[in-house]
Amino acid sequence: MLKAKVKETFGAANANGQDRMARLASAIAEVRSGGRLSPRTSKLLASDIAKMAKKVVEEAAETAIDAVRGDRAAVVNESVDLLYNLSIVWSEMGIDPDEVWTEMDRREAVLGMVEKLPKAKPDDDDGPKAVEPDLIRLGED
C-alpha cells in the first residue's frame, strides 16, 4: 500500500533524479531552518563537518561491501543513504545540487561522459593535481 502511494505521489512527474535531489536539498534546508521536523537530520546538522563527512564514508563503504557481496537490494538501499548523507555535506558547505549537475554537464561535454577527471603527472614538489578538462586534448597521448 505504501509503495503504491509513493508511486502515486512521486510518479512520472518526479522521475528525474535531479528533481529528487532538489527536493531532498529543500527538505534539509527546511530542517535546518526549523520549518520541518526530522530528529535524525537535525542531529546530523547539529554536528560538525567531520561527522557529516564520516557518515558519507561509512555509507560509501557499506554500498561497496554490499556490491561485493552481490546484494543488489542492499546496494539500492545503501545508495539512498549515501545520497542523503552527501546531501547533508552539500548543505553544510552551501553547495546547491545544480552546481554538481553543472560540473557533470561540463565533464560530459569535454570527456564525452561524466567520469572522474584524469590526473596530471605529479610535479617534483607539488604532488598530484587534477587536470582541468578544458586543457585536455582528447585522443592525444
N, C-alpha and C. Protein backbone atom coordinates (compact mmCIF):
# COMPACT_ATOMS: atom_id res chain seq x y z
N MET A 1 0.82 -1.20 0.00
CA MET A 1 0.00 0.00 0.00
C MET A 1 0.87 1.26 0.00
N LEU A 2 1.87 1.29 0.88
CA LEU A 2 2.76 2.46 0.96
C LEU A 2 3.49 2.66 -0.37
N LYS A 3 3.98 1.57 -0.96
CA LYS A 3 4.70 1.67 -2.22
C LYS A 3 3.81 2.26 -3.31
N ALA A 4 2.56 1.84 -3.37
CA ALA A 4 1.63 2.38 -4.36
C ALA A 4 1.38 3.86 -4.10
N LYS A 5 1.27 4.26 -2.85
CA LYS A 5 1.05 5.66 -2.50
C LYS A 5 2.25 6.51 -2.90
N VAL A 6 3.44 5.98 -2.67
CA VAL A 6 4.66 6.70 -3.04
C VAL A 6 4.71 6.89 -4.55
N LYS A 7 4.42 5.82 -5.31
CA LYS A 7 4.41 5.93 -6.76
C LYS A 7 3.38 6.93 -7.23
N GLU A 8 2.22 6.91 -6.60
CA GLU A 8 1.15 7.85 -6.97
C GLU A 8 1.58 9.28 -6.68
N THR A 9 2.22 9.50 -5.56
CA THR A 9 2.62 10.84 -5.14
C THR A 9 3.80 11.36 -5.94
N PHE A 10 4.80 10.52 -6.16
CA PHE A 10 6.05 10.97 -6.76
C PHE A 10 6.32 10.35 -8.12
N GLY A 11 5.33 9.82 -8.77
CA GLY A 11 5.46 9.08 -10.03
C GLY A 11 6.21 9.78 -11.14
N ALA A 12 5.66 9.72 -12.31
CA ALA A 12 6.34 10.17 -13.52
C ALA A 12 6.77 11.63 -13.48
N ALA A 13 5.99 12.47 -12.84
CA ALA A 13 6.32 13.90 -12.81
C ALA A 13 7.65 14.16 -12.11
N ASN A 14 8.07 13.27 -11.21
CA ASN A 14 9.30 13.48 -10.46
C ASN A 14 10.32 12.37 -10.69
N ALA A 15 10.27 11.75 -11.85
CA ALA A 15 11.16 10.64 -12.13
C ALA A 15 12.61 11.08 -12.31
N ASN A 16 12.84 12.33 -12.58
CA ASN A 16 14.18 12.86 -12.80
C ASN A 16 14.96 12.87 -11.48
N GLY A 17 16.16 12.28 -11.50
CA GLY A 17 16.98 12.25 -10.29
C GLY A 17 17.34 13.63 -9.78
N GLN A 18 17.53 14.57 -10.71
CA GLN A 18 17.84 15.94 -10.29
C GLN A 18 16.69 16.52 -9.47
N ASP A 19 15.46 16.24 -9.87
CA ASP A 19 14.30 16.72 -9.12
C ASP A 19 14.28 16.13 -7.71
N ARG A 20 14.59 14.86 -7.62
CA ARG A 20 14.60 14.19 -6.31
C ARG A 20 15.67 14.78 -5.41
N MET A 21 16.85 15.02 -5.96
CA MET A 21 17.92 15.60 -5.15
C MET A 21 17.59 17.03 -4.76
N ALA A 22 16.91 17.77 -5.64
CA ALA A 22 16.49 19.13 -5.31
C ALA A 22 15.46 19.10 -4.18
N ARG A 23 14.55 18.14 -4.22
CA ARG A 23 13.56 18.01 -3.14
C ARG A 23 14.24 17.66 -1.83
N LEU A 24 15.23 16.79 -1.89
CA LEU A 24 15.97 16.43 -0.67
C LEU A 24 16.72 17.65 -0.13
N ALA A 25 17.36 18.40 -1.00
CA ALA A 25 18.08 19.61 -0.57
C ALA A 25 17.11 20.59 0.08
N SER A 26 15.95 20.73 -0.49
CA SER A 26 14.93 21.63 0.06
C SER A 26 14.46 21.15 1.43
N ALA A 27 14.24 19.85 1.57
CA ALA A 27 13.81 19.30 2.86
C ALA A 27 14.89 19.51 3.92
N ILE A 28 16.14 19.30 3.56
CA ILE A 28 17.24 19.51 4.50
C ILE A 28 17.30 20.98 4.92
N ALA A 29 17.11 21.88 3.97
CA ALA A 29 17.10 23.32 4.28
C ALA A 29 15.95 23.66 5.22
N GLU A 30 14.81 23.02 5.03
CA GLU A 30 13.67 23.26 5.93
C GLU A 30 13.97 22.77 7.34
N VAL A 31 14.62 21.62 7.46
CA VAL A 31 15.00 21.12 8.79
C VAL A 31 16.00 22.09 9.41
N ARG A 32 16.96 22.52 8.63
CA ARG A 32 18.00 23.44 9.13
C ARG A 32 17.37 24.72 9.67
N SER A 33 16.33 25.23 9.00
CA SER A 33 15.70 26.49 9.40
C SER A 33 14.62 26.30 10.46
N GLY A 34 14.34 25.05 10.83
CA GLY A 34 13.32 24.79 11.85
C GLY A 34 11.92 24.67 11.29
N GLY A 35 11.77 24.70 9.98
CA GLY A 35 10.45 24.62 9.35
C GLY A 35 9.95 23.21 9.14
N ARG A 36 10.76 22.24 9.46
CA ARG A 36 10.38 20.84 9.27
C ARG A 36 11.02 20.02 10.38
N LEU A 37 10.29 19.05 10.90
CA LEU A 37 10.81 18.19 11.96
C LEU A 37 11.40 16.92 11.37
N SER A 38 12.62 16.64 11.78
CA SER A 38 13.30 15.39 11.44
C SER A 38 14.43 15.22 12.44
N PRO A 39 14.17 14.48 13.53
CA PRO A 39 15.20 14.35 14.58
C PRO A 39 16.55 13.84 14.06
N ARG A 40 16.53 12.87 13.16
CA ARG A 40 17.79 12.32 12.65
C ARG A 40 18.57 13.38 11.87
N THR A 41 17.87 14.09 10.99
CA THR A 41 18.53 15.12 10.19
C THR A 41 18.98 16.28 11.08
N SER A 42 18.14 16.67 12.03
CA SER A 42 18.51 17.75 12.96
C SER A 42 19.78 17.41 13.73
N LYS A 43 19.87 16.17 14.20
CA LYS A 43 21.04 15.74 14.95
C LYS A 43 22.29 15.81 14.07
N LEU A 44 22.17 15.35 12.83
CA LEU A 44 23.31 15.38 11.92
C LEU A 44 23.71 16.82 11.59
N LEU A 45 22.73 17.68 11.37
CA LEU A 45 23.02 19.08 11.06
C LEU A 45 23.65 19.81 12.25
N ALA A 46 23.38 19.35 13.45
CA ALA A 46 23.95 19.96 14.65
C ALA A 46 25.41 19.52 14.88
N SER A 47 25.82 18.49 14.17
CA SER A 47 27.20 18.01 14.32
C SER A 47 28.14 18.85 13.46
N ASP A 48 29.41 18.50 13.49
CA ASP A 48 30.37 19.25 12.68
C ASP A 48 30.58 18.57 11.33
N ILE A 49 31.29 19.24 10.44
CA ILE A 49 31.50 18.73 9.09
C ILE A 49 32.26 17.40 9.11
N ALA A 50 33.13 17.20 10.08
CA ALA A 50 33.87 15.94 10.16
C ALA A 50 32.92 14.77 10.38
N LYS A 51 31.94 14.94 11.25
CA LYS A 51 30.95 13.89 11.50
C LYS A 51 30.11 13.65 10.23
N MET A 52 29.72 14.72 9.57
CA MET A 52 28.94 14.59 8.33
C MET A 52 29.73 13.84 7.27
N ALA A 53 30.99 14.19 7.11
CA ALA A 53 31.85 13.53 6.13
C ALA A 53 32.06 12.07 6.49
N LYS A 54 32.19 11.79 7.76
CA LYS A 54 32.36 10.41 8.22
C LYS A 54 31.16 9.57 7.82
N LYS A 55 29.97 10.13 7.90
CA LYS A 55 28.76 9.40 7.51
C LYS A 55 28.77 9.09 6.01
N VAL A 56 29.28 10.01 5.19
CA VAL A 56 29.39 9.76 3.75
C VAL A 56 30.33 8.57 3.52
N VAL A 57 31.47 8.57 4.19
CA VAL A 57 32.44 7.48 4.03
C VAL A 57 31.83 6.16 4.48
N GLU A 58 31.14 6.16 5.61
CA GLU A 58 30.51 4.93 6.12
C GLU A 58 29.50 4.38 5.11
N GLU A 59 28.66 5.23 4.57
CA GLU A 59 27.64 4.78 3.63
C GLU A 59 28.26 4.31 2.32
N ALA A 60 29.33 4.98 1.88
CA ALA A 60 30.02 4.55 0.66
C ALA A 60 30.63 3.16 0.88
N ALA A 61 31.22 2.95 2.04
CA ALA A 61 31.82 1.64 2.35
C ALA A 61 30.74 0.56 2.40
N GLU A 62 29.62 0.85 3.04
CA GLU A 62 28.53 -0.12 3.12
C GLU A 62 28.00 -0.46 1.73
N THR A 63 27.90 0.55 0.87
CA THR A 63 27.44 0.32 -0.50
C THR A 63 28.43 -0.59 -1.23
N ALA A 64 29.71 -0.32 -1.09
CA ALA A 64 30.74 -1.12 -1.76
C ALA A 64 30.75 -2.56 -1.24
N ILE A 65 30.65 -2.73 0.06
CA ILE A 65 30.64 -4.08 0.65
C ILE A 65 29.45 -4.87 0.13
N ASP A 66 28.29 -4.26 0.10
CA ASP A 66 27.10 -4.95 -0.40
C ASP A 66 27.22 -5.28 -1.88
N ALA A 67 27.90 -4.43 -2.64
CA ALA A 67 28.13 -4.71 -4.06
C ALA A 67 29.02 -5.94 -4.22
N VAL A 68 30.09 -6.02 -3.43
CA VAL A 68 30.98 -7.17 -3.49
C VAL A 68 30.23 -8.44 -3.10
N ARG A 69 29.32 -8.33 -2.17
CA ARG A 69 28.52 -9.48 -1.75
C ARG A 69 27.46 -9.85 -2.79
N GLY A 70 27.23 -8.97 -3.74
CA GLY A 70 26.23 -9.23 -4.76
C GLY A 70 24.80 -9.00 -4.31
N ASP A 71 24.64 -8.22 -3.25
CA ASP A 71 23.31 -7.96 -2.69
C ASP A 71 22.73 -6.70 -3.33
N ARG A 72 22.05 -6.89 -4.43
CA ARG A 72 21.52 -5.78 -5.22
C ARG A 72 20.58 -4.88 -4.42
N ALA A 73 19.64 -5.47 -3.69
CA ALA A 73 18.68 -4.68 -2.91
C ALA A 73 19.39 -3.84 -1.85
N ALA A 74 20.40 -4.42 -1.22
CA ALA A 74 21.15 -3.68 -0.20
C ALA A 74 21.93 -2.52 -0.84
N VAL A 75 22.45 -2.73 -2.05
CA VAL A 75 23.16 -1.64 -2.74
C VAL A 75 22.21 -0.49 -3.02
N VAL A 76 20.98 -0.81 -3.44
CA VAL A 76 19.99 0.24 -3.68
C VAL A 76 19.72 1.00 -2.38
N ASN A 77 19.47 0.29 -1.30
CA ASN A 77 19.17 0.93 -0.01
C ASN A 77 20.34 1.76 0.50
N GLU A 78 21.54 1.22 0.43
CA GLU A 78 22.72 1.96 0.90
C GLU A 78 23.01 3.15 0.01
N SER A 79 22.70 3.05 -1.28
CA SER A 79 22.90 4.18 -2.19
C SER A 79 22.01 5.35 -1.79
N VAL A 80 20.79 5.07 -1.38
CA VAL A 80 19.91 6.14 -0.91
C VAL A 80 20.52 6.80 0.33
N ASP A 81 21.02 5.98 1.26
CA ASP A 81 21.65 6.53 2.47
C ASP A 81 22.87 7.37 2.10
N LEU A 82 23.64 6.90 1.12
CA LEU A 82 24.83 7.64 0.68
C LEU A 82 24.44 9.00 0.09
N LEU A 83 23.43 9.01 -0.78
CA LEU A 83 22.99 10.27 -1.37
C LEU A 83 22.43 11.22 -0.32
N TYR A 84 21.70 10.69 0.65
CA TYR A 84 21.18 11.52 1.75
C TYR A 84 22.34 12.18 2.50
N ASN A 85 23.33 11.38 2.90
CA ASN A 85 24.45 11.94 3.67
C ASN A 85 25.30 12.88 2.84
N LEU A 86 25.46 12.60 1.56
CA LEU A 86 26.17 13.52 0.68
C LEU A 86 25.42 14.84 0.59
N SER A 87 24.10 14.77 0.54
CA SER A 87 23.29 15.99 0.50
C SER A 87 23.44 16.81 1.78
N ILE A 88 23.61 16.14 2.89
CA ILE A 88 23.85 16.84 4.16
C ILE A 88 25.17 17.61 4.07
N VAL A 89 26.20 16.98 3.53
CA VAL A 89 27.50 17.66 3.37
C VAL A 89 27.36 18.84 2.42
N TRP A 90 26.68 18.63 1.29
CA TRP A 90 26.47 19.74 0.36
C TRP A 90 25.78 20.90 1.06
N SER A 91 24.75 20.59 1.84
CA SER A 91 24.01 21.63 2.55
C SER A 91 24.92 22.40 3.51
N GLU A 92 25.72 21.66 4.24
CA GLU A 92 26.63 22.29 5.20
C GLU A 92 27.63 23.21 4.51
N MET A 93 28.02 22.84 3.29
CA MET A 93 29.02 23.62 2.56
C MET A 93 28.39 24.65 1.63
N GLY A 94 27.06 24.75 1.66
CA GLY A 94 26.38 25.73 0.82
C GLY A 94 26.40 25.37 -0.66
N ILE A 95 26.47 24.09 -0.96
CA ILE A 95 26.50 23.62 -2.35
C ILE A 95 25.09 23.24 -2.78
N ASP A 96 24.61 23.88 -3.81
CA ASP A 96 23.31 23.54 -4.39
C ASP A 96 23.51 22.36 -5.34
N PRO A 97 22.60 21.40 -5.36
CA PRO A 97 22.76 20.27 -6.29
C PRO A 97 22.97 20.70 -7.73
N ASP A 98 22.40 21.83 -8.14
CA ASP A 98 22.60 22.31 -9.51
C ASP A 98 24.06 22.58 -9.83
N GLU A 99 24.85 22.93 -8.81
CA GLU A 99 26.29 23.12 -9.04
C GLU A 99 26.95 21.81 -9.43
N VAL A 100 26.51 20.72 -8.83
CA VAL A 100 27.04 19.40 -9.14
C VAL A 100 26.62 19.00 -10.55
N TRP A 101 25.34 19.25 -10.88
CA TRP A 101 24.86 18.89 -12.23
C TRP A 101 25.59 19.71 -13.30
N THR A 102 25.92 20.96 -12.99
CA THR A 102 26.65 21.79 -13.93
C THR A 102 28.04 21.21 -14.19
N GLU A 103 28.70 20.76 -13.13
CA GLU A 103 30.02 20.14 -13.29
C GLU A 103 29.90 18.84 -14.07
N MET A 104 28.84 18.09 -13.83
CA MET A 104 28.62 16.85 -14.58
C MET A 104 28.44 17.16 -16.07
N ASP A 105 27.66 18.18 -16.37
CA ASP A 105 27.45 18.59 -17.76
C ASP A 105 28.77 19.00 -18.42
N ARG A 106 29.59 19.74 -17.68
CA ARG A 106 30.88 20.19 -18.20
C ARG A 106 31.78 19.01 -18.53
N ARG A 107 31.84 18.05 -17.62
CA ARG A 107 32.69 16.87 -17.86
C ARG A 107 32.17 16.06 -19.05
N GLU A 108 30.87 15.94 -19.15
CA GLU A 108 30.30 15.20 -20.27
C GLU A 108 30.64 15.88 -21.59
N ALA A 109 30.56 17.20 -21.61
CA ALA A 109 30.87 17.94 -22.83
C ALA A 109 32.33 17.79 -23.23
N VAL A 110 33.22 17.75 -22.26
CA VAL A 110 34.65 17.69 -22.55
C VAL A 110 35.14 16.26 -22.73
N LEU A 111 34.68 15.36 -21.87
CA LEU A 111 35.20 14.00 -21.86
C LEU A 111 34.31 13.00 -22.61
N GLY A 112 33.11 13.41 -22.98
CA GLY A 112 32.21 12.51 -23.69
C GLY A 112 31.29 11.74 -22.78
N MET A 113 31.58 11.74 -21.52
CA MET A 113 30.72 11.14 -20.50
C MET A 113 31.15 11.69 -19.14
N VAL A 114 30.28 11.56 -18.17
CA VAL A 114 30.61 12.02 -16.83
C VAL A 114 31.47 10.95 -16.18
N GLU A 115 32.71 11.31 -15.91
CA GLU A 115 33.62 10.37 -15.25
C GLU A 115 34.63 11.15 -14.43
N LYS A 116 35.41 10.40 -13.67
CA LYS A 116 36.45 11.02 -12.85
C LYS A 116 37.46 11.71 -13.76
N LEU A 117 37.90 12.88 -13.34
CA LEU A 117 38.89 13.62 -14.12
C LEU A 117 40.22 12.89 -14.12
N PRO A 118 40.93 12.92 -15.25
CA PRO A 118 42.27 12.32 -15.28
C PRO A 118 43.23 13.12 -14.40
N LYS A 119 44.22 12.45 -13.90
CA LYS A 119 45.22 13.11 -13.06
C LYS A 119 46.41 13.52 -13.90
N ALA A 120 46.97 14.67 -13.57
CA ALA A 120 48.19 15.14 -14.23
C ALA A 120 49.36 14.39 -13.62
N LYS A 121 50.47 14.34 -14.34
CA LYS A 121 51.68 13.77 -13.77
C LYS A 121 52.13 14.68 -12.65
N PRO A 122 52.55 14.10 -11.53
CA PRO A 122 52.95 14.95 -10.40
C PRO A 122 54.20 15.76 -10.70
N ASP A 123 54.20 17.01 -10.25
CA ASP A 123 55.42 17.82 -10.31
C ASP A 123 56.36 17.31 -9.23
N ASP A 124 57.61 17.65 -9.33
CA ASP A 124 58.58 17.16 -8.36
C ASP A 124 58.24 17.56 -6.93
N ASP A 125 57.68 18.75 -6.73
CA ASP A 125 57.48 19.22 -5.37
C ASP A 125 56.01 19.46 -4.99
N ASP A 126 55.10 19.43 -5.94
CA ASP A 126 53.73 19.79 -5.62
C ASP A 126 52.78 18.60 -5.46
N GLY A 127 53.17 17.40 -5.81
CA GLY A 127 52.29 16.24 -5.72
C GLY A 127 51.28 16.21 -6.85
N PRO A 128 50.41 15.20 -6.86
CA PRO A 128 49.46 15.04 -7.96
C PRO A 128 48.42 16.15 -7.98
N LYS A 129 48.00 16.49 -9.19
CA LYS A 129 47.00 17.53 -9.38
C LYS A 129 45.97 17.03 -10.38
N ALA A 130 44.73 17.46 -10.22
CA ALA A 130 43.70 17.14 -11.21
C ALA A 130 43.91 18.00 -12.44
N VAL A 131 43.70 17.41 -13.59
CA VAL A 131 43.81 18.14 -14.85
C VAL A 131 42.50 18.82 -15.13
N GLU A 132 42.54 20.07 -15.51
CA GLU A 132 41.33 20.77 -15.92
C GLU A 132 40.89 20.20 -17.26
N PRO A 133 39.65 19.70 -17.37
CA PRO A 133 39.22 19.09 -18.62
C PRO A 133 39.32 20.03 -19.82
N ASP A 134 39.18 21.32 -19.60
CA ASP A 134 39.27 22.27 -20.71
C ASP A 134 40.65 22.24 -21.35
N LEU A 135 41.66 21.77 -20.62
CA LEU A 135 43.02 21.76 -21.12
C LEU A 135 43.41 20.42 -21.73
N ILE A 136 42.54 19.43 -21.63
CA ILE A 136 42.82 18.10 -22.14
C ILE A 136 42.59 18.07 -23.65
N ARG A 137 43.52 17.47 -24.35
CA ARG A 137 43.33 17.25 -25.79
C ARG A 137 42.96 15.79 -25.95
N LEU A 138 41.67 15.56 -26.18
CA LEU A 138 41.18 14.20 -26.29
C LEU A 138 41.75 13.52 -27.51
N GLY A 139 42.09 12.25 -27.34
CA GLY A 139 42.59 11.48 -28.45
C GLY A 139 44.10 11.59 -28.64
N GLU A 140 44.78 12.42 -27.87
CA GLU A 140 46.23 12.55 -27.97
C GLU A 140 46.88 11.90 -26.77
N ASP A 141 48.05 11.36 -26.97
CA ASP A 141 48.79 10.76 -25.84
C ASP A 141 49.75 11.72 -25.25
